Protein backbone atom coordinates (compact mmCIF):
# COMPACT_ATOMS: atom_id res chain seq x y z
CA MET A 1 215.76 -202.50 89.67
CA GLU A 2 217.49 -201.11 86.60
CA ILE A 3 219.87 -203.43 84.74
CA VAL A 4 222.55 -201.90 82.51
CA THR A 5 224.53 -204.33 80.35
CA GLU A 6 227.15 -201.95 78.92
CA LEU A 7 229.32 -199.23 80.37
CA ARG A 8 227.94 -195.76 79.77
CA GLU A 9 227.39 -192.59 81.76
CA GLN A 10 224.60 -192.79 84.32
CA PRO A 11 222.51 -189.88 85.57
CA GLY A 12 223.11 -188.50 89.02
CA PRO A 13 225.52 -189.57 91.75
CA SER A 14 226.03 -193.23 92.60
CA ALA A 15 227.01 -195.31 95.59
CA VAL A 16 228.79 -198.36 94.19
CA ALA A 17 229.43 -201.87 95.52
CA LEU A 18 232.20 -203.65 93.62
CA GLY A 19 232.59 -207.42 93.25
CA TYR A 20 231.62 -210.51 91.31
CA PHE A 21 228.80 -211.48 93.72
CA ASP A 22 228.37 -214.95 92.21
CA GLY A 23 226.51 -216.21 95.28
CA VAL A 24 225.22 -212.95 96.81
CA HIS A 25 226.04 -214.65 100.11
CA THR A 26 226.28 -213.05 103.55
CA ALA A 27 229.74 -211.54 102.97
CA HIS A 28 228.58 -210.10 99.63
CA ALA A 29 225.46 -208.74 101.33
CA ALA A 30 227.66 -207.03 103.93
CA VAL A 31 229.51 -205.14 101.17
CA ILE A 32 226.22 -204.09 99.58
CA ARG A 33 224.72 -202.95 102.90
CA ALA A 34 227.86 -200.94 103.71
CA MET A 35 227.40 -199.15 100.39
CA GLN A 36 223.69 -198.57 101.05
CA GLU A 37 224.26 -197.23 104.55
CA ALA A 38 226.59 -194.55 103.17
CA ALA A 39 224.62 -193.84 100.00
CA GLY A 40 222.46 -190.95 101.15
CA GLU A 41 220.62 -189.67 98.06
CA ALA A 42 222.97 -191.45 95.64
CA VAL A 43 221.66 -194.38 93.60
CA SER A 44 222.64 -197.69 95.20
CA THR A 45 224.55 -199.49 92.47
CA VAL A 46 226.28 -202.84 92.06
CA LEU A 47 229.05 -202.95 89.47
CA THR A 48 229.88 -206.53 88.55
CA PHE A 49 230.32 -208.37 85.24
CA ARG A 50 228.96 -211.32 83.31
CA LEU A 51 231.13 -214.10 81.99
CA GLY A 52 231.42 -214.36 78.22
CA LYS A 53 234.19 -215.31 75.84
CA ARG A 54 236.77 -214.42 78.48
CA VAL A 55 236.83 -215.14 82.20
CA PRO A 56 239.16 -213.84 84.91
CA ASP A 57 242.17 -216.08 85.48
CA ASN A 58 241.19 -216.58 89.12
CA LYS A 59 237.72 -217.78 88.11
CA ALA A 60 238.68 -220.21 85.34
CA GLY A 61 236.76 -223.46 85.82
CA MET A 62 234.75 -221.97 88.67
CA ARG A 63 231.07 -222.92 88.81
CA PRO A 64 228.85 -219.99 89.83
CA ILE A 65 226.50 -220.66 92.74
CA LEU A 66 223.62 -218.73 91.18
CA THR A 67 222.28 -218.52 87.66
CA PRO A 68 222.32 -215.00 86.19
CA GLU A 69 218.57 -214.74 86.84
CA GLN A 70 218.98 -215.78 90.46
CA GLN A 71 221.85 -213.35 90.99
CA LEU A 72 219.72 -210.42 89.85
CA GLU A 73 216.82 -211.65 91.97
CA GLN A 74 218.98 -211.72 95.10
CA LEU A 75 220.44 -208.28 94.39
CA GLU A 76 216.93 -206.89 94.02
CA ARG A 77 215.93 -208.59 97.28
CA LEU A 78 218.71 -206.62 98.99
CA GLY A 79 217.26 -203.36 97.68
CA VAL A 80 219.86 -202.56 95.01
CA GLU A 81 218.51 -199.92 92.66
CA ARG A 82 220.84 -200.40 89.70
CA VAL A 83 223.11 -203.19 88.46
CA LEU A 84 225.85 -202.64 85.89
CA LEU A 85 226.57 -205.93 84.17
CA PRO A 86 229.09 -205.49 81.35
CA ALA A 87 230.72 -208.52 79.73
CA PHE A 88 234.08 -209.29 81.31
CA GLU A 89 235.89 -208.74 78.00
CA GLU A 90 234.58 -205.16 77.98
CA ILE A 91 236.54 -204.32 81.12
CA ALA A 92 239.36 -206.89 81.18
CA SER A 93 241.94 -204.76 79.35
CA ILE A 94 241.29 -201.44 81.13
CA LEU A 95 244.13 -200.32 83.39
CA PRO A 96 243.05 -199.94 87.04
CA GLU A 97 243.63 -196.18 87.15
CA VAL A 98 241.73 -195.71 83.88
CA PHE A 99 238.88 -197.92 85.13
CA PHE A 100 238.62 -195.81 88.26
CA ARG A 101 238.65 -192.51 86.40
CA GLN A 102 236.49 -193.38 83.39
CA VAL A 103 234.00 -195.81 84.91
CA LEU A 104 233.71 -195.02 88.60
CA ALA A 105 234.37 -191.28 88.61
CA GLU A 106 233.14 -190.08 85.20
CA GLN A 107 230.42 -192.56 84.18
CA LEU A 108 228.96 -193.42 87.57
CA HIS A 109 229.75 -190.16 89.40
CA ALA A 110 230.58 -192.33 92.43
CA GLN A 111 230.32 -190.64 95.80
CA VAL A 112 230.72 -193.83 97.82
CA ILE A 113 232.50 -197.09 96.94
CA ALA A 114 232.43 -200.34 98.90
CA CYS A 115 234.30 -203.57 98.28
CA GLY A 116 235.71 -206.60 100.05
CA TYR A 117 239.24 -206.88 101.39
CA ASP A 118 240.27 -209.17 98.50
CA TYR A 119 238.66 -207.23 95.64
CA SER A 120 240.75 -206.80 92.49
CA PHE A 121 240.04 -204.88 89.30
CA GLY A 122 241.52 -203.67 86.02
CA LYS A 123 243.92 -205.28 83.60
CA GLY A 124 245.66 -208.29 85.08
CA ALA A 125 243.63 -207.80 88.28
CA ALA A 126 246.32 -205.28 89.25
CA GLY A 127 243.91 -202.97 91.08
CA THR A 128 243.70 -203.57 94.83
CA PRO A 129 241.82 -202.02 97.77
CA LYS A 130 245.04 -200.20 98.65
CA LEU A 131 245.10 -198.58 95.20
CA LEU A 132 241.40 -197.77 95.53
CA GLU A 133 242.12 -196.06 98.84
CA GLN A 134 244.73 -193.88 97.17
CA LEU A 135 242.54 -193.03 94.16
CA CYS A 136 239.44 -192.37 96.25
CA GLY A 137 241.43 -190.10 98.56
CA GLU A 138 242.64 -188.05 95.60
CA ALA A 139 239.13 -187.82 94.11
CA GLY A 140 237.29 -187.13 97.37
CA ILE A 141 235.24 -190.33 97.17
CA ALA A 142 234.32 -192.19 100.36
CA LEU A 143 235.60 -195.78 100.48
CA ARG A 144 234.51 -198.72 102.62
CA VAL A 145 236.72 -201.83 102.48
CA LEU A 146 235.16 -204.66 104.46
CA PRO A 147 237.36 -207.13 106.36
CA PRO A 148 236.85 -210.89 106.03
CA MET A 149 233.55 -212.17 107.43
CA THR A 150 233.98 -215.41 109.36
CA GLN A 151 231.54 -218.05 110.53
CA GLY A 152 232.60 -221.10 112.49
CA GLY A 153 236.19 -219.89 112.47
CA GLU A 154 236.48 -219.83 108.66
CA PRO A 155 235.97 -217.00 106.16
CA VAL A 156 232.63 -216.86 104.37
CA SER A 157 233.41 -217.38 100.68
CA SER A 158 231.91 -218.79 97.51
CA THR A 159 234.60 -221.49 97.50
CA ARG A 160 233.58 -222.65 100.95
CA ILE A 161 229.89 -222.66 99.98
CA ARG A 162 230.59 -224.70 96.85
CA ARG A 163 232.50 -227.22 98.98
CA LEU A 164 229.54 -227.55 101.35
CA LEU A 165 227.11 -227.98 98.45
CA GLU A 166 229.28 -230.72 96.98
CA ALA A 167 229.12 -232.49 100.34
CA GLY A 168 225.35 -232.16 100.55
CA ALA A 169 225.69 -230.02 103.69
CA LEU A 170 222.74 -227.76 102.92
CA PRO A 171 222.05 -226.33 106.40
CA GLU A 172 225.66 -225.17 106.63
CA ALA A 173 225.70 -223.83 103.06
CA ASN A 174 222.39 -222.02 103.59
CA ALA A 175 223.70 -220.36 106.75
CA LEU A 176 226.58 -218.87 104.75
CA LEU A 177 224.35 -217.92 101.83
CA GLY A 178 221.83 -216.14 104.05
CA TYR A 179 219.00 -217.85 102.16
CA CYS A 180 218.18 -221.38 101.05
CA TYR A 181 219.97 -222.70 97.98
CA TYR A 182 217.26 -223.00 95.36
CA VAL A 183 216.38 -224.13 91.87
CA LEU A 184 214.40 -221.63 89.82
CA GLY A 185 212.92 -222.34 86.42
CA PRO A 186 210.01 -223.71 84.40
CA VAL A 187 208.55 -227.16 84.94
CA VAL A 188 209.38 -229.27 81.88
CA ARG A 189 207.99 -232.55 80.65
CA GLY A 190 209.87 -235.71 81.54
CA ARG A 191 209.19 -239.38 80.90
CA SER A 192 206.29 -239.42 83.44
CA LEU A 193 207.82 -242.43 85.17
CA GLY A 194 207.11 -240.97 88.60
CA ARG A 195 203.44 -240.57 87.73
CA THR A 196 203.33 -244.21 86.61
CA LEU A 197 204.90 -245.31 89.91
CA GLY A 198 202.54 -243.22 92.02
CA PHE A 199 204.63 -240.13 92.78
CA PRO A 200 204.32 -237.55 89.97
CA THR A 201 207.23 -235.12 89.98
CA LEU A 202 208.00 -231.65 88.66
CA ASN A 203 211.07 -231.72 86.42
CA GLN A 204 213.42 -228.74 86.10
CA ARG A 205 216.59 -228.65 84.03
CA LEU A 206 219.84 -227.72 85.76
CA LEU A 207 222.73 -225.83 84.19
CA PRO A 208 225.74 -228.19 84.04
CA GLU A 209 228.09 -225.23 84.48
CA GLN A 210 226.38 -224.19 87.73
CA ALA A 211 227.55 -225.28 91.18
CA LEU A 212 225.19 -228.13 92.07
CA PRO A 213 224.66 -229.84 95.42
CA ARG A 214 225.62 -233.45 95.92
CA PHE A 215 223.30 -235.70 93.95
CA GLY A 216 220.64 -237.01 96.28
CA VAL A 217 217.22 -236.52 97.86
CA TYR A 218 216.50 -233.33 99.81
CA ASN A 219 213.76 -232.04 102.05
CA SER A 220 212.48 -228.94 100.29
CA TRP A 221 209.81 -226.29 100.03
CA THR A 222 208.44 -225.38 96.61
CA GLU A 223 206.77 -222.12 95.61
CA ILE A 224 204.56 -221.95 92.50
CA GLU A 225 202.52 -218.85 91.69
CA GLY A 226 202.68 -217.59 95.26
CA ARG A 227 201.73 -220.88 96.94
CA GLN A 228 204.14 -222.85 99.11
CA TYR A 229 204.23 -226.65 99.22
CA ARG A 230 206.17 -229.11 101.34
CA SER A 231 208.19 -231.28 98.98
CA ILE A 232 211.08 -233.64 98.44
CA THR A 233 213.55 -233.07 95.63
CA ASN A 234 215.98 -235.36 93.88
CA ILE A 235 219.00 -233.66 92.36
CA GLY A 236 220.83 -235.97 89.99
CA ILE A 237 220.98 -238.07 86.86
CA LYS A 238 218.59 -240.96 87.72
CA PRO A 239 221.20 -243.77 87.49
CA THR A 240 218.51 -246.46 87.77
CA ILE A 241 216.83 -245.27 84.56
CA GLU A 242 218.66 -246.35 81.42
CA GLY A 243 219.79 -243.46 79.21
CA ALA A 244 218.87 -240.66 81.66
CA ARG A 245 222.10 -238.72 82.33
CA GLU A 246 221.27 -235.00 82.13
CA PRO A 247 221.20 -233.45 85.64
CA LEU A 248 217.66 -232.67 86.70
CA ALA A 249 215.77 -231.47 89.74
CA GLU A 250 212.75 -233.73 90.29
CA THR A 251 210.35 -232.54 92.97
CA TYR A 252 207.35 -234.28 94.53
CA LEU A 253 204.78 -231.96 96.14
CA LEU A 254 203.21 -233.49 99.24
CA ASP A 255 199.86 -231.72 99.15
CA ALA A 256 199.16 -230.66 95.59
CA GLU A 257 197.41 -231.95 92.52
CA GLY A 258 197.23 -230.70 88.98
CA ASP A 259 199.32 -229.95 85.93
CA PHE A 260 202.22 -227.54 86.56
CA TYR A 261 203.94 -227.82 83.17
CA GLY A 262 205.36 -224.51 81.98
CA ARG A 263 204.92 -222.77 85.32
CA ILE A 264 207.88 -221.30 87.19
CA ALA A 265 208.82 -223.22 90.33
CA ARG A 266 211.18 -222.12 93.07
CA VAL A 267 212.49 -225.17 94.93
CA SER A 268 214.40 -224.37 98.13
CA LEU A 269 216.56 -227.17 99.54
CA LEU A 270 216.69 -227.56 103.32
CA SER A 271 218.61 -230.76 104.10
CA MET A 272 219.73 -234.00 102.49
CA THR A 273 217.80 -237.19 103.23
CA ARG A 274 220.06 -239.59 101.35
CA PRO A 275 222.57 -239.58 98.48
CA GLU A 276 221.45 -240.66 95.02
CA ARG A 277 222.14 -244.30 94.20
CA LYS A 278 221.38 -246.91 91.59
CA PHE A 279 218.64 -249.35 92.62
CA ARG A 280 218.39 -253.00 91.66
CA ASP A 281 215.04 -252.46 89.95
CA LEU A 282 212.02 -250.17 89.80
CA ASP A 283 210.34 -251.94 92.73
CA GLU A 284 213.23 -251.04 95.03
CA LEU A 285 213.24 -247.49 93.65
CA CYS A 286 209.50 -247.15 94.20
CA SER A 287 209.64 -248.50 97.75
CA THR A 288 212.53 -246.18 98.69
CA VAL A 289 210.87 -243.06 97.26
CA HIS A 290 207.63 -243.80 99.09
CA GLY A 291 209.75 -244.08 102.24
CA ASP A 292 211.32 -240.69 101.46
CA ILE A 293 207.85 -239.18 101.08
CA ALA A 294 206.65 -240.68 104.36
CA HIS A 295 209.72 -239.31 106.16
CA ARG A 296 209.16 -235.83 104.70
CA ARG A 297 205.51 -235.90 105.72
CA SER A 298 206.46 -236.89 109.28
CA LEU A 299 208.48 -233.69 109.68
CA ASN A 300 205.30 -231.58 109.44
CA ASP A 301 207.36 -228.38 109.36
CA ALA A 302 206.06 -224.90 108.64
CA CYS A 303 207.36 -222.96 105.66
CA PRO A 304 210.40 -220.94 106.80
CA ALA A 305 209.56 -217.27 107.18
CA HIS A 306 212.40 -216.14 104.90
CA LEU A 307 210.95 -218.20 102.04
CA GLN A 308 207.57 -216.54 102.50
CA ARG A 309 209.20 -213.12 102.11
CA LEU A 310 210.74 -213.85 98.70
């Protein structure tokens, strides 16, 4: 997948999906697939933006569901051939009609455009699907505007998914995402307390600006260098341990031994076992974690097929 970080003319015709795609969830995937189905020989392209010094007014204070690396990974999984990822400040002041003409028509040679019903673009977010319909009609460009996707009687949206994550409702959040919420990154060295207590863990740093699930212990599956392991994962700040306040993902692999420092781990969260809490002492912590491990082992589940395909 080609990644372009600044606006410039691209070779050949394009089919373009427009949006922020911060979660690449099922409604986002529907927009992308609508673009791909109509693409023909055109290059399937996602035009989004990265947050920098400026952010859209309607996204101020919003925590993205995916890291930039995860977003690109999910777009590639969907078969996108090219991603345009300019900084928001590069496009924020462009009038909608100018954006359409210069970027979509002249630089991307768009033959097909797809977007969601609530998509907005251009200076002041003044561009709407209705304006796109008018401009595409004048330019002879096919347009697909997708209606709201609903599940359980509510629209599928990043806001709804963030709310479910904050509640620790991972099965429900994962159903809307279309994949398991996951942590992706290198294994870093911690204080080795888990190893001392008999349950060595893999530590991964979390981005504080990212949407995080409710702090607690989760049933998980972990992939390292192509191998899948049953695991449990604590997301949180370790309130029992004095001085430890940076959010971390700490994962215990049920059937693995060895040193994984520096390796990339993908930890997919399935369901919450219990919320994080402060224990009276390390003995209570140790006893509870060993209970968590025993519960996870009793599930004896197979690795979900969709995780094996990643």
